[in-house]
Structure formats: structure tokens, C-alpha cells
Amino acid sequence: MKRAVVMIITNRMGEVLLLQRSPDSKKFANEWFFPEGKVDQLTTAHGGTLETDEAAAWRETFEETGLDV
């Protein structure tokens, strides 16, 4: 089973960051969504481990929005 994360970002005015999928997207075209993605498997000298959920949420948010929040 793959782990996934979702990031819900709000500002001081209570507005929520939503992203809109491309009209050309194969799944859920034009749908609105929160930044989300899978938790990556990391390779270390001692074997594989999962990145933390928090690290995955920040990474996915940056990858999808370019925002360093």
C-alpha cells in the first residue's frame, strides 16, 4: 500500500489554497484539489525508508505550486 499526503493551506483571511487540474488531465480534468501526493521511498546506505509525512507534504506542495510555504 502506498502512503499519500494532503496539504491544506490557509491564510490569515481564512482563504484556502486550491489547485485546478488541467483540462487535458487524464483523471479529474478541470477538478479543484488540495496539493497532494505520494510519500517517497528513500534509499540509504542501510536500506530503504519512507520520507516523513510532513516532508512529503511540503515537497509535494512545492512541486505542484512552486510555493515555499
Protein backbone atom coordinates (compact mmCIF):
# COMPACT_ATOMS: atom_id res chain seq x y z
CA MET A 1 0.00 0.00 0.00
CA LYS A 2 1.34 3.46 -0.92
CA ARG A 3 1.14 6.32 1.56
CA ALA A 4 -0.18 9.69 0.45
CA VAL A 5 -0.41 13.16 1.97
CA VAL A 6 -2.65 16.19 1.51
CA MET A 7 -1.75 19.77 2.43
CA ILE A 8 -4.47 22.27 3.35
CA ILE A 9 -3.07 25.80 3.33
CA THR A 10 -4.99 28.82 4.59
CA ASN A 11 -4.07 32.47 5.01
CA ARG A 12 -4.96 34.95 7.75
CA MET A 13 -8.22 35.83 5.97
CA GLY A 14 -9.37 32.21 6.03
CA GLU A 15 -8.89 31.69 2.29
CA VAL A 16 -7.91 28.16 1.25
CA LEU A 17 -5.37 27.30 -1.46
CA LEU A 18 -6.92 25.08 -4.14
CA LEU A 19 -5.34 23.98 -7.41
CA GLN A 20 -7.18 23.26 -10.65
CA ARG A 21 -6.26 20.30 -12.80
CA SER A 22 -5.53 20.86 -16.46
CA PRO A 23 -8.35 20.35 -18.98
CA ASP A 24 -6.01 17.79 -20.59
CA SER A 25 -5.56 15.81 -17.37
CA LYS A 26 -6.28 12.09 -17.81
CA LYS A 27 -8.04 11.94 -14.44
CA PHE A 28 -10.38 14.55 -12.99
CA ALA A 29 -9.85 17.16 -15.73
CA ASN A 30 -10.67 20.72 -14.56
CA GLU A 31 -11.34 19.50 -11.00
CA TRP A 32 -10.21 21.54 -7.98
CA PHE A 33 -7.99 19.87 -5.37
CA PHE A 34 -5.62 20.43 -2.45
CA PRO A 35 -1.88 19.92 -3.03
CA GLU A 36 -1.31 16.20 -2.55
CA GLY A 37 0.96 13.33 -3.49
CA LYS A 38 2.71 10.13 -2.52
CA VAL A 39 5.26 9.64 0.25
CA ASP A 40 8.56 8.72 -1.42
CA GLN A 41 10.72 5.72 -0.68
CA LEU A 42 14.21 6.96 0.19
CA THR A 43 17.33 4.88 -0.39
CA THR A 44 20.01 4.95 2.29
CA ALA A 45 23.19 3.01 2.94
CA HIS A 46 21.21 0.85 5.37
CA GLY A 47 18.28 0.16 3.05
CA GLY A 48 15.06 1.93 2.16
CA THR A 49 12.96 4.11 4.40
CA LEU A 50 9.93 6.32 3.83
CA GLU A 51 10.25 10.09 3.97
CA THR A 52 8.18 11.62 6.75
CA ASP A 53 4.58 12.59 6.02
CA GLU A 54 5.41 16.21 6.83
CA ALA A 55 8.40 16.28 4.46
CA ALA A 56 6.31 14.71 1.70
CA ALA A 57 3.53 17.29 2.18
CA TRP A 58 5.96 20.23 1.93
CA ARG A 59 7.75 18.67 -1.08
CA GLU A 60 4.53 17.96 -2.97
CA THR A 61 3.20 21.46 -2.27
CA PHE A 62 6.39 22.99 -3.67
CA GLU A 63 6.39 20.66 -6.72
CA GLU A 64 2.78 21.46 -7.58
CA THR A 65 2.74 25.20 -6.80
CA GLY A 66 6.30 26.49 -6.68
CA LEU A 67 5.43 27.97 -3.27
CA ASP A 68 7.95 27.58 -0.46
CA VAL A 69 5.48 27.83 2.41
